[in-house]
Amino acid sequence: MAKLKTGRHTSAIKALRQSEKSAAKNRGVKAKIKLAVKELDSFITKQDIEAAQKVLPKIYSLLDKASKKGVIHAKSASRKKSRLSIRAKKVVTKPSVK
């Protein structure tokens, strides 16, 4: 590959391509996590305990995979999992008011 004009190195161009590609993947992973959390929140507001309990392990899996790949920090994933489980447990312990 030939060099381009005025100091634009091919390695810098490739690094830019790679960073844009990984940023797009990371955005996709984070979007999946956010959608799953919104789904859990909707189940919590509807007081649907069974559906919330089914979605929770899927969110845990998404967070673990994201932290493993480096999309989010491991402690950040752990904190989010903890807070989600606390929210889900509040629905189980609190009686529904109608």
PDB file of N, CA and C in Angstrom:
ATOM      1  N   MET A   1       0.850  -1.175   0.000  1.00  0.00           N
ATOM      2  CA  MET A   1       0.000   0.000   0.000  1.00  0.00           C
ATOM      3  C   MET A   1       0.896   1.238   0.000  1.00  0.00           C
ATOM      4  N   ALA A   2       0.627   2.129  -0.901  1.00  0.00           N
ATOM      5  CA  ALA A   2       1.457   3.322  -1.034  1.00  0.00           C
ATOM      6  C   ALA A   2       1.094   4.351   0.013  1.00  0.00           C
ATOM      7  N   LYS A   3       2.065   5.154   0.369  1.00  0.00           N
ATOM      8  CA  LYS A   3       1.805   6.212   1.351  1.00  0.00           C
ATOM      9  C   LYS A   3       0.954   7.308   0.734  1.00  0.00           C
ATOM     10  N   LEU A   4       0.151   7.910   1.552  1.00  0.00           N
ATOM     11  CA  LEU A   4      -0.668   9.019   1.097  1.00  0.00           C
ATOM     12  C   LEU A   4       0.071  10.327   1.312  1.00  0.00           C
ATOM     13  N   LYS A   5      -0.477  11.399   0.774  1.00  0.00           N
ATOM     14  CA  LYS A   5       0.174  12.709   0.871  1.00  0.00           C
ATOM     15  C   LYS A   5       0.113  13.268   2.285  1.00  0.00           C
ATOM     16  N   THR A   6       0.997  14.126   2.599  1.00  0.00           N
ATOM     17  CA  THR A   6       1.068  14.958   3.800  1.00  0.00           C
ATOM     18  C   THR A   6       0.891  14.205   5.110  1.00  0.00           C
ATOM     19  N   GLY A   7       1.762  13.252   5.331  1.00  0.00           N
ATOM     20  CA  GLY A   7       1.885  12.660   6.650  1.00  0.00           C
ATOM     21  C   GLY A   7       0.776  11.749   7.110  1.00  0.00           C
ATOM     22  N   ARG A   8      -0.094  11.297   6.234  1.00  0.00           N
ATOM     23  CA  ARG A   8      -1.133  10.348   6.660  1.00  0.00           C
ATOM     24  C   ARG A   8      -0.584   8.947   6.467  1.00  0.00           C
ATOM     25  N   HIS A   9      -0.237   8.321   7.559  1.00  0.00           N
ATOM     26  CA  HIS A   9       0.366   6.997   7.497  1.00  0.00           C
ATOM     27  C   HIS A   9      -0.704   5.935   7.353  1.00  0.00           C
ATOM     28  N   THR A  10      -0.340   4.886   6.649  1.00  0.00           N
ATOM     29  CA  THR A  10      -1.297   3.809   6.421  1.00  0.00           C
ATOM     30  C   THR A  10      -1.686   3.133   7.733  1.00  0.00           C
ATOM     31  N   SER A  11      -0.774   3.058   8.670  1.00  0.00           N
ATOM     32  CA  SER A  11      -1.098   2.413   9.949  1.00  0.00           C
ATOM     33  C   SER A  11      -2.140   3.234  10.712  1.00  0.00           C
ATOM     34  N   ALA A  12      -2.062   4.555  10.614  1.00  0.00           N
ATOM     35  CA  ALA A  12      -3.047   5.402  11.286  1.00  0.00           C
ATOM     36  C   ALA A  12      -4.410   5.249  10.640  1.00  0.00           C
ATOM     37  N   ILE A  13      -4.420   5.104   9.319  1.00  0.00           N
ATOM     38  CA  ILE A  13      -5.688   4.933   8.604  1.00  0.00           C
ATOM     39  C   ILE A  13      -6.327   3.608   8.999  1.00  0.00           C
ATOM     40  N   LYS A  14      -5.501   2.559   9.082  1.00  0.00           N
ATOM     41  CA  LYS A  14      -6.017   1.248   9.478  1.00  0.00           C
ATOM     42  C   LYS A  14      -6.519   1.274  10.919  1.00  0.00           C
ATOM     43  N   ALA A  15      -5.789   1.938  11.801  1.00  0.00           N
ATOM     44  CA  ALA A  15      -6.208   2.039  13.202  1.00  0.00           C
ATOM     45  C   ALA A  15      -7.549   2.760  13.309  1.00  0.00           C
ATOM     46  N   LEU A  16      -7.755   3.781  12.478  1.00  0.00           N
ATOM     47  CA  LEU A  16      -9.026   4.492  12.474  1.00  0.00           C
ATOM     48  C   LEU A  16     -10.157   3.580  12.024  1.00  0.00           C
ATOM     49  N   ARG A  17      -9.908   2.803  10.965  1.00  0.00           N
ATOM     50  CA  ARG A  17     -10.918   1.849  10.487  1.00  0.00           C
ATOM     51  C   ARG A  17     -11.279   0.850  11.578  1.00  0.00           C
ATOM     52  N   GLN A  18     -10.259   0.327  12.242  1.00  0.00           N
ATOM     53  CA  GLN A  18     -10.492  -0.674  13.283  1.00  0.00           C
ATOM     54  C   GLN A  18     -11.256  -0.084  14.461  1.00  0.00           C
ATOM     55  N   SER A  19     -10.916   1.136  14.857  1.00  0.00           N
ATOM     56  CA  SER A  19     -11.593   1.742  16.009  1.00  0.00           C
ATOM     57  C   SER A  19     -13.050   2.040  15.684  1.00  0.00           C
ATOM     58  N   GLU A  20     -13.338   2.462  14.453  1.00  0.00           N
ATOM     59  CA  GLU A  20     -14.730   2.714  14.063  1.00  0.00           C
ATOM     60  C   GLU A  20     -15.535   1.420  14.055  1.00  0.00           C
ATOM     61  N   LYS A  21     -14.903   0.352  13.590  1.00  0.00           N
ATOM     62  CA  LYS A  21     -15.574  -0.946  13.544  1.00  0.00           C
ATOM     63  C   LYS A  21     -15.893  -1.452  14.956  1.00  0.00           C
ATOM     64  N   SER A  22     -14.908  -1.364  15.846  1.00  0.00           N
ATOM     65  CA  SER A  22     -15.132  -1.848  17.217  1.00  0.00           C
ATOM     66  C   SER A  22     -16.123  -0.954  17.959  1.00  0.00           C
ATOM     67  N   ALA A  23     -16.113   0.350  17.674  1.00  0.00           N
ATOM     68  CA  ALA A  23     -17.066   1.255  18.318  1.00  0.00           C
ATOM     69  C   ALA A  23     -18.489   0.916  17.894  1.00  0.00           C
ATOM     70  N   ALA A  24     -18.668   0.549  16.632  1.00  0.00           N
ATOM     71  CA  ALA A  24     -19.996   0.169  16.151  1.00  0.00           C
ATOM     72  C   ALA A  24     -20.473  -1.111  16.839  1.00  0.00           C
ATOM     73  N   LYS A  25     -19.571  -2.073  16.987  1.00  0.00           N
ATOM     74  CA  LYS A  25     -19.931  -3.316  17.684  1.00  0.00           C
ATOM     75  C   LYS A  25     -20.298  -3.034  19.136  1.00  0.00           C
ATOM     76  N   ASN A  26     -19.503  -2.185  19.794  1.00  0.00           N
ATOM     77  CA  ASN A  26     -19.750  -1.860  21.196  1.00  0.00           C
ATOM     78  C   ASN A  26     -21.093  -1.166  21.367  1.00  0.00           C
ATOM     79  N   ARG A  27     -21.431  -0.267  20.438  1.00  0.00           N
ATOM     80  CA  ARG A  27     -22.736   0.404  20.504  1.00  0.00           C
ATOM     81  C   ARG A  27     -23.868  -0.605  20.402  1.00  0.00           C
ATOM     82  N   GLY A  28     -23.696  -1.608  19.538  1.00  0.00           N
ATOM     83  CA  GLY A  28     -24.715  -2.643  19.384  1.00  0.00           C
ATOM     84  C   GLY A  28     -24.906  -3.452  20.654  1.00  0.00           C
ATOM     85  N   VAL A  29     -23.814  -3.806  21.290  1.00  0.00           N
ATOM     86  CA  VAL A  29     -23.879  -4.592  22.527  1.00  0.00           C
ATOM     87  C   VAL A  29     -24.556  -3.783  23.628  1.00  0.00           C
ATOM     88  N   LYS A  30     -24.169  -2.506  23.760  1.00  0.00           N
ATOM     89  CA  LYS A  30     -24.766  -1.655  24.784  1.00  0.00           C
ATOM     90  C   LYS A  30     -26.251  -1.437  24.521  1.00  0.00           C
ATOM     91  N   ALA A  31     -26.638  -1.343  23.259  1.00  0.00           N
ATOM     92  CA  ALA A  31     -28.047  -1.168  22.914  1.00  0.00           C
ATOM     93  C   ALA A  31     -28.853  -2.400  23.308  1.00  0.00           C
ATOM     94  N   LYS A  32     -28.282  -3.596  23.077  1.00  0.00           N
ATOM     95  CA  LYS A  32     -28.967  -4.831  23.482  1.00  0.00           C
ATOM     96  C   LYS A  32     -29.193  -4.861  24.989  1.00  0.00           C
ATOM     97  N   ILE A  33     -28.182  -4.446  25.732  1.00  0.00           N
ATOM     98  CA  ILE A  33     -28.292  -4.431  27.193  1.00  0.00           C
ATOM     99  C   ILE A  33     -29.385  -3.460  27.624  1.00  0.00           C
ATOM    100  N   LYS A  34     -29.389  -2.270  27.041  1.00  0.00           N
ATOM    101  CA  LYS A  34     -30.385  -1.263  27.418  1.00  0.00           C
ATOM    102  C   LYS A  34     -31.793  -1.722  27.096  1.00  0.00           C
ATOM    103  N   LEU A  35     -31.984  -2.380  25.934  1.00  0.00           N
ATOM    104  CA  LEU A  35     -33.306  -2.882  25.577  1.00  0.00           C
ATOM    105  C   LEU A  35     -33.771  -3.959  26.561  1.00  0.00           C
ATOM    106  N   ALA A  36     -32.857  -4.837  26.941  1.00  0.00           N
ATOM    107  CA  ALA A  36     -33.209  -5.895  27.885  1.00  0.00           C
ATOM    108  C   ALA A  36     -33.576  -5.307  29.244  1.00  0.00           C
ATOM    109  N   VAL A  37     -32.862  -4.282  29.683  1.00  0.00           N
ATOM    110  CA  VAL A  37     -33.163  -3.642  30.968  1.00  0.00           C
ATOM    111  C   VAL A  37     -34.519  -2.941  30.906  1.00  0.00           C
ATOM    112  N   LYS A  38     -34.830  -2.313  29.771  1.00  0.00           N
ATOM    113  CA  LYS A  38     -36.139  -1.676  29.609  1.00  0.00           C
ATOM    114  C   LYS A  38     -37.259  -2.710  29.658  1.00  0.00           C
ATOM    115  N   GLU A  39     -36.991  -3.878  29.059  1.00  0.00           N
ATOM    116  CA  GLU A  39     -37.971  -4.954  29.099  1.00  0.00           C
ATOM    117  C   GLU A  39     -38.202  -5.416  30.537  1.00  0.00           C
ATOM    118  N   LEU A  40     -37.128  -5.553  31.290  1.00  0.00           N
ATOM    119  CA  LEU A  40     -37.239  -5.934  32.696  1.00  0.00           C
ATOM    120  C   LEU A  40     -38.026  -4.887  33.475  1.00  0.00           C
ATOM    121  N   ASP A  41     -37.738  -3.614  33.229  1.00  0.00           N
ATOM    122  CA  ASP A  41     -38.459  -2.542  33.917  1.00  0.00           C
ATOM    123  C   ASP A  41     -39.950  -2.575  33.605  1.00  0.00           C
ATOM    124  N   SER A  42     -40.288  -2.894  32.357  1.00  0.00           N
ATOM    125  CA  SER A  42     -41.710  -2.967  32.013  1.00  0.00           C
ATOM    126  C   SER A  42     -42.388  -4.113  32.749  1.00  0.00           C
ATOM    127  N   PHE A  43     -41.688  -5.230  32.898  1.00  0.00           N
ATOM    128  CA  PHE A  43     -42.248  -6.351  33.661  1.00  0.00           C
ATOM    129  C   PHE A  43     -42.389  -5.993  35.136  1.00  0.00           C
ATOM    130  N   ILE A  44     -41.436  -5.246  35.647  1.00  0.00           N
ATOM    131  CA  ILE A  44     -41.490  -4.845  37.055  1.00  0.00           C
ATOM    132  C   ILE A  44     -42.667  -3.905  37.293  1.00  0.00           C
ATOM    133  N   THR A  45     -42.886  -2.962  36.389  1.00  0.00           N
ATOM    134  CA  THR A  45     -44.011  -2.031  36.570  1.00  0.00           C
ATOM    135  C   THR A  45     -45.353  -2.744  36.436  1.00  0.00           C
ATOM    136  N   LYS A  46     -45.386  -3.803  35.602  1.00  0.00           N
ATOM    137  CA  LYS A  46     -46.625  -4.584  35.445  1.00  0.00           C
ATOM    138  C   LYS A  46     -46.811  -5.606  36.568  1.00  0.00           C
ATOM    139  N   GLN A  47     -45.824  -5.699  37.459  1.00  0.00           N
ATOM    140  CA  GLN A  47     -45.826  -6.670  38.564  1.00  0.00           C
ATOM    141  C   GLN A  47     -45.822  -8.113  38.041  1.00  0.00           C
ATOM    142  N   ASP A  48     -45.236  -8.330  36.874  1.00  0.00           N
ATOM    143  CA  ASP A  48     -45.138  -9.667  36.287  1.00  0.00           C
ATOM    144  C   ASP A  48     -43.839 -10.310  36.759  1.00  0.00           C
ATOM    145  N   ILE A  49     -43.926 -11.026  37.872  1.00  0.00           N
ATOM    146  CA  ILE A  49     -42.745 -11.561  38.532  1.00  0.00           C
ATOM    147  C   ILE A  49     -42.110 -12.682  37.705  1.00  0.00           C
ATOM    148  N   GLU A  50     -42.927 -13.560  37.152  1.00  0.00           N
ATOM    149  CA  GLU A  50     -42.397 -14.705  36.409  1.00  0.00           C
ATOM    150  C   GLU A  50     -41.601 -14.263  35.188  1.00  0.00           C
ATOM    151  N   ALA A  51     -42.149 -13.312  34.441  1.00  0.00           N
ATOM    152  CA  ALA A  51     -41.446 -12.826  33.249  1.00  0.00           C
ATOM    153  C   ALA A  51     -40.161 -12.101  33.631  1.00  0.00           C
ATOM    154  N   ALA A  52     -40.210 -11.355  34.728  1.00  0.00           N
ATOM    155  CA  ALA A  52     -39.009 -10.653  35.184  1.00  0.00           C
ATOM    156  C   ALA A  52     -37.923 -11.649  35.577  1.00  0.00           C
ATOM    157  N   GLN A  53     -38.311 -12.734  36.232  1.00  0.00           N
ATOM    158  CA  GLN A  53     -37.331 -13.748  36.634  1.00  0.00           C
ATOM    159  C   GLN A  53     -36.735 -14.470  35.431  1.00  0.00           C
ATOM    160  N   LYS A  54     -37.494 -14.548  34.327  1.00  0.00           N
ATOM    161  CA  LYS A  54     -36.969 -15.192  33.117  1.00  0.00           C
ATOM    162  C   LYS A  54     -35.994 -14.276  32.375  1.00  0.00           C
ATOM    163  N   VAL A  55     -36.238 -12.971  32.414  1.00  0.00           N
ATOM    164  CA  VAL A  55     -35.407 -12.019  31.681  1.00  0.00           C
ATOM    165  C   VAL A  55     -34.097 -11.751  32.415  1.00  0.00           C
ATOM    166  N   LEU A  56     -34.120 -11.825  33.732  1.00  0.00           N
ATOM    167  CA  LEU A  56     -32.948 -11.479  34.535  1.00  0.00           C
ATOM    168  C   LEU A  56     -31.696 -12.286  34.163  1.00  0.00           C
ATOM    169  N   PRO A  57     -31.762 -13.615  34.013  1.00  0.00           N
ATOM    170  CA  PRO A  57     -30.546 -14.351  33.624  1.00  0.00           C
ATOM    171  C   PRO A  57     -30.026 -13.968  32.237  1.00  0.00           C
ATOM    172  N   LYS A  58     -30.930 -13.599  31.336  1.00  0.00           N
ATOM    173  CA  LYS A  58     -30.495 -13.167  30.004  1.00  0.00           C
ATOM    174  C   LYS A  58     -29.703 -11.866  30.095  1.00  0.00           C
ATOM    175  N   ILE A  59     -30.152 -10.964  30.960  1.00  0.00           N
ATOM    176  CA  ILE A  59     -29.435  -9.701  31.151  1.00  0.00           C
ATOM    177  C   ILE A  59     -28.079  -9.973  31.797  1.00  0.00           C
ATOM    178  N   TYR A  60     -28.053 -10.881  32.765  1.00  0.00           N
ATOM    179  CA  TYR A  60     -26.783 -11.249  33.393  1.00  0.00           C
ATOM    180  C   TYR A  60     -25.800 -11.765  32.340  1.00  0.00           C
ATOM    181  N   SER A  61     -26.288 -12.596  31.447  1.00  0.00           N
ATOM    182  CA  SER A  61     -25.451 -13.162  30.400  1.00  0.00           C
ATOM    183  C   SER A  61     -24.911 -12.066  29.477  1.00  0.00           C
ATOM    184  N   LEU A  62     -25.785 -11.140  29.087  1.00  0.00           N
ATOM    185  CA  LEU A  62     -25.352 -10.037  28.224  1.00  0.00           C
ATOM    186  C   LEU A  62     -24.285  -9.186  28.903  1.00  0.00           C
ATOM    187  N   LEU A  63     -24.484  -8.904  30.190  1.00  0.00           N
ATOM    188  CA  LEU A  63     -23.518  -8.091  30.921  1.00  0.00           C
ATOM    189  C   LEU A  63     -22.183  -8.824  31.079  1.00  0.00           C
ATOM    190  N   ASP A  64     -22.241 -10.120  31.360  1.00  0.00           N
ATOM    191  CA  ASP A  64     -21.012 -10.897  31.516  1.00  0.00           C
ATOM    192  C   ASP A  64     -20.227 -10.957  30.209  1.00  0.00           C
ATOM    193  N   LYS A  65     -20.946 -11.165  29.109  1.00  0.00           N
ATOM    194  CA  LYS A  65     -20.274 -11.218  27.812  1.00  0.00           C
ATOM    195  C   LYS A  65     -19.667  -9.869  27.450  1.00  0.00           C
ATOM    196  N   ALA A  66     -20.393  -8.789  27.755  1.00  0.00           N
ATOM    197  CA  ALA A  66     -19.885  -7.450  27.448  1.00  0.00           C
ATOM    198  C   ALA A  66     -18.633  -7.148  28.260  1.00  0.00           C
ATOM    199  N   SER A  67     -18.617  -7.556  29.523  1.00  0.00           N
ATOM    200  CA  SER A  67     -17.439  -7.296  30.341  1.00  0.00           C
ATOM    201  C   SER A  67     -16.272  -8.176  29.908  1.00  0.00           C
ATOM    202  N   LYS A  68     -16.566  -9.385  29.464  1.00  0.00           N
ATOM    203  CA  LYS A  68     -15.529 -10.289  28.988  1.00  0.00           C
ATOM    204  C   LYS A  68     -14.853  -9.753  27.726  1.00  0.00           C
ATOM    205  N   LYS A  69     -15.641  -9.148  26.850  1.00  0.00           N
ATOM    206  CA  LYS A  69     -15.106  -8.601  25.600  1.00  0.00           C
ATOM    207  C   LYS A  69     -14.469  -7.233  25.791  1.00  0.00           C
ATOM    208  N   GLY A  70     -14.699  -6.608  26.948  1.00  0.00           N
ATOM    209  CA  GLY A  70     -14.108  -5.304  27.196  1.00  0.00           C
ATOM    210  C   GLY A  70     -14.997  -4.145  26.792  1.00  0.00           C
ATOM    211  N   VAL A  71     -16.256  -4.427  26.493  1.00  0.00           N
ATOM    212  CA  VAL A  71     -17.185  -3.358  26.121  1.00  0.00           C
ATOM    213  C   VAL A  71     -17.486  -2.484  27.327  1.00  0.00           C
ATOM    214  N   ILE A  72     -17.731  -3.126  28.463  1.00  0.00           N
ATOM    215  CA  ILE A  72     -17.906  -2.403  29.719  1.00  0.00           C
ATOM    216  C   ILE A  72     -16.944  -3.003  30.742  1.00  0.00           C
ATOM    217  N   HIS A  73     -16.672  -2.258  31.771  1.00  0.00           N
ATOM    218  CA  HIS A  73     -15.752  -2.720  32.818  1.00  0.00           C
ATOM    219  C   HIS A  73     -16.426  -3.816  33.635  1.00  0.00           C
ATOM    220  N   ALA A  74     -15.639  -4.725  34.154  1.00  0.00           N
ATOM    221  CA  ALA A  74     -16.162  -5.864  34.917  1.00  0.00           C
ATOM    222  C   ALA A  74     -16.916  -5.401  36.160  1.00  0.00           C
ATOM    223  N   LYS A  75     -16.376  -4.402  36.859  1.00  0.00           N
ATOM    224  CA  LYS A  75     -17.051  -3.920  38.063  1.00  0.00           C
ATOM    225  C   LYS A  75     -18.341  -3.188  37.720  1.00  0.00           C
ATOM    226  N   SER A  76     -18.375  -2.548  36.572  1.00  0.00           N
ATOM    227  CA  SER A  76     -19.594  -1.887  36.116  1.00  0.00           C
ATOM    228  C   SER A  76     -20.687  -2.923  35.847  1.00  0.00           C
ATOM    229  N   ALA A  77     -20.311  -4.031  35.222  1.00  0.00           N
ATOM    230  CA  ALA A  77     -21.268  -5.104  34.964  1.00  0.00           C
ATOM    231  C   ALA A  77     -21.772  -5.691  36.280  1.00  0.00           C
ATOM    232  N   SER A  78     -20.872  -5.882  37.215  1.00  0.00           N
ATOM    233  CA  SER A  78     -21.247  -6.432  38.515  1.00  0.00           C
ATOM    234  C   SER A  78     -22.215  -5.503  39.248  1.00  0.00           C
ATOM    235  N   ARG A  79     -21.940  -4.211  39.199  1.00  0.00           N
ATOM    236  CA  ARG A  79     -22.797  -3.230  39.855  1.00  0.00           C
ATOM    237  C   ARG A  79     -24.184  -3.216  39.231  1.00  0.00           C
ATOM    238  N   LYS A  80     -24.253  -3.272  37.903  1.00  0.00           N
ATOM    239  CA  LYS A  80     -25.549  -3.272  37.221  1.00  0.00           C
ATOM    240  C   LYS A  80     -26.344  -4.530  37.551  1.00  0.00           C
ATOM    241  N   LYS A  81     -25.669  -5.679  37.585  1.00  0.00           N
ATOM    242  CA  LYS A  81     -26.346  -6.922  37.932  1.00  0.00           C
ATOM    243  C   LYS A  81     -26.910  -6.851  39.344  1.00  0.00           C
ATOM    244  N   SER A  82     -26.140  -6.298  40.264  1.00  0.00           N
ATOM    245  CA  SER A  82     -26.577  -6.186  41.644  1.00  0.00           C
ATOM    246  C   SER A  82     -27.813  -5.295  41.758  1.00  0.00           C
ATOM    247  N   ARG A  83     -27.773  -4.155  41.100  1.00  0.00           N
ATOM    248  CA  ARG A  83     -28.894  -3.221  41.181  1.00  0.00           C
ATOM    249  C   ARG A  83     -30.145  -3.774  40.521  1.00  0.00           C
ATOM    250  N   LEU A  84     -29.982  -4.512  39.431  1.00  0.00           N
ATOM    251  CA  LEU A  84     -31.139  -5.115  38.771  1.00  0.00           C
ATOM    252  C   LEU A  84     -31.765  -6.195  39.644  1.00  0.00           C
ATOM    253  N   SER A  85     -30.926  -6.984  40.308  1.00  0.00           N
ATOM    254  CA  SER A  85     -31.469  -8.037  41.166  1.00  0.00           C
ATOM    255  C   SER A  85     -32.206  -7.434  42.359  1.00  0.00           C
ATOM    256  N   ILE A  86     -31.689  -6.331  42.884  1.00  0.00           N
ATOM    257  CA  ILE A  86     -32.375  -5.659  43.993  1.00  0.00           C
ATOM    258  C   ILE A  86     -33.748  -5.161  43.542  1.00  0.00           C
ATOM    259  N   ARG A  87     -33.796  -4.565  42.342  1.00  0.00           N
ATOM    260  CA  ARG A  87     -35.075  -4.080  41.815  1.00  0.00           C
ATOM    261  C   ARG A  87     -36.069  -5.214  41.619  1.00  0.00           C
ATOM    262  N   ALA A  88     -35.584  -6.345  41.112  1.00  0.00           N
ATOM    263  CA  ALA A  88     -36.467  -7.484  40.874  1.00  0.00           C
ATOM    264  C   ALA A  88     -36.956  -8.080  42.190  1.00  0.00           C
ATOM    265  N   LYS A  89     -36.101  -8.101  43.218  1.00  0.00           N
ATOM    266  CA  LYS A  89     -36.503  -8.659  44.506  1.00  0.00           C
ATOM    267  C   LYS A  89     -37.527  -7.786  45.213  1.00  0.00           C
ATOM    268  N   LYS A  90     -37.478  -6.479  44.974  1.00  0.00           N
ATOM    269  CA  LYS A  90     -38.461  -5.586  45.589  1.00  0.00           C
ATOM    270  C   LYS A  90     -39.867  -5.916  45.117  1.00  0.00           C
ATOM    271  N   VAL A  91     -39.996  -6.319  43.856  1.00  0.00           N
ATOM    272  CA  VAL A  91     -41.305  -6.676  43.314  1.00  0.00           C
ATOM    273  C   VAL A  91     -41.824  -7.937  43.989  1.00  0.00           C
ATOM    274  N   VAL A  92     -40.933  -8.881  44.234  1.00  0.00           N
ATOM    275  CA  VAL A  92     -41.335 -10.150  44.849  1.00  0.00           C
ATOM    276  C   VAL A  92     -41.785  -9.926  46.285  1.00  0.00           C
ATOM    277  N   THR A  93     -41.052  -9.101  47.055  1.00  0.00           N
ATOM    278  CA  THR A  93     -41.367  -8.918  48.461  1.00  0.00           C
ATOM    279  C   THR A  93     -42.514  -7.957  48.691  1.00  0.00           C
ATOM    280  N   LYS A  94     -42.661  -6.962  47.822  1.00  0.00           N
ATOM    281  CA  LYS A  94     -43.691  -5.948  48.010  1.00  0.00           C
ATOM    282  C   LYS A  94     -45.019  -6.441  47.452  1.00  0.00           C
ATOM    283  N   PRO A  95     -46.102  -6.422  48.236  1.00  0.00           N
ATOM    284  CA  PRO A  95     -47.394  -6.852  47.704  1.00  0.00           C
ATOM    285  C   PRO A  95     -47.921  -5.809  46.723  1.00  0.00           C
ATOM    286  N   SER A  96     -48.634  -6.294  45.727  1.00  0.00           N
ATOM    287  CA  SER A  96     -49.176  -5.377  44.725  1.00  0.00           C
ATOM    288  C   SER A  96     -50.373  -4.618  45.292  1.00  0.00           C
ATOM    289  N   VAL A  97     -50.437  -3.338  45.031  1.00  0.00           N
ATOM    290  CA  VAL A  97     -51.513  -2.484  45.498  1.00  0.00           C
ATOM    291  C   VAL A  97     -52.434  -2.179  44.335  1.00  0.00           C
ATOM    292  N   LYS A  98     -53.705  -2.561  44.474  1.00  0.00           N
ATOM    293  CA  LYS A  98     -54.656  -2.323  43.375  1.00  0.00           C
ATOM    294  C   LYS A  98     -55.876  -1.603  43.879  1.00  0.00           C
TER     295      LYS A  98
END
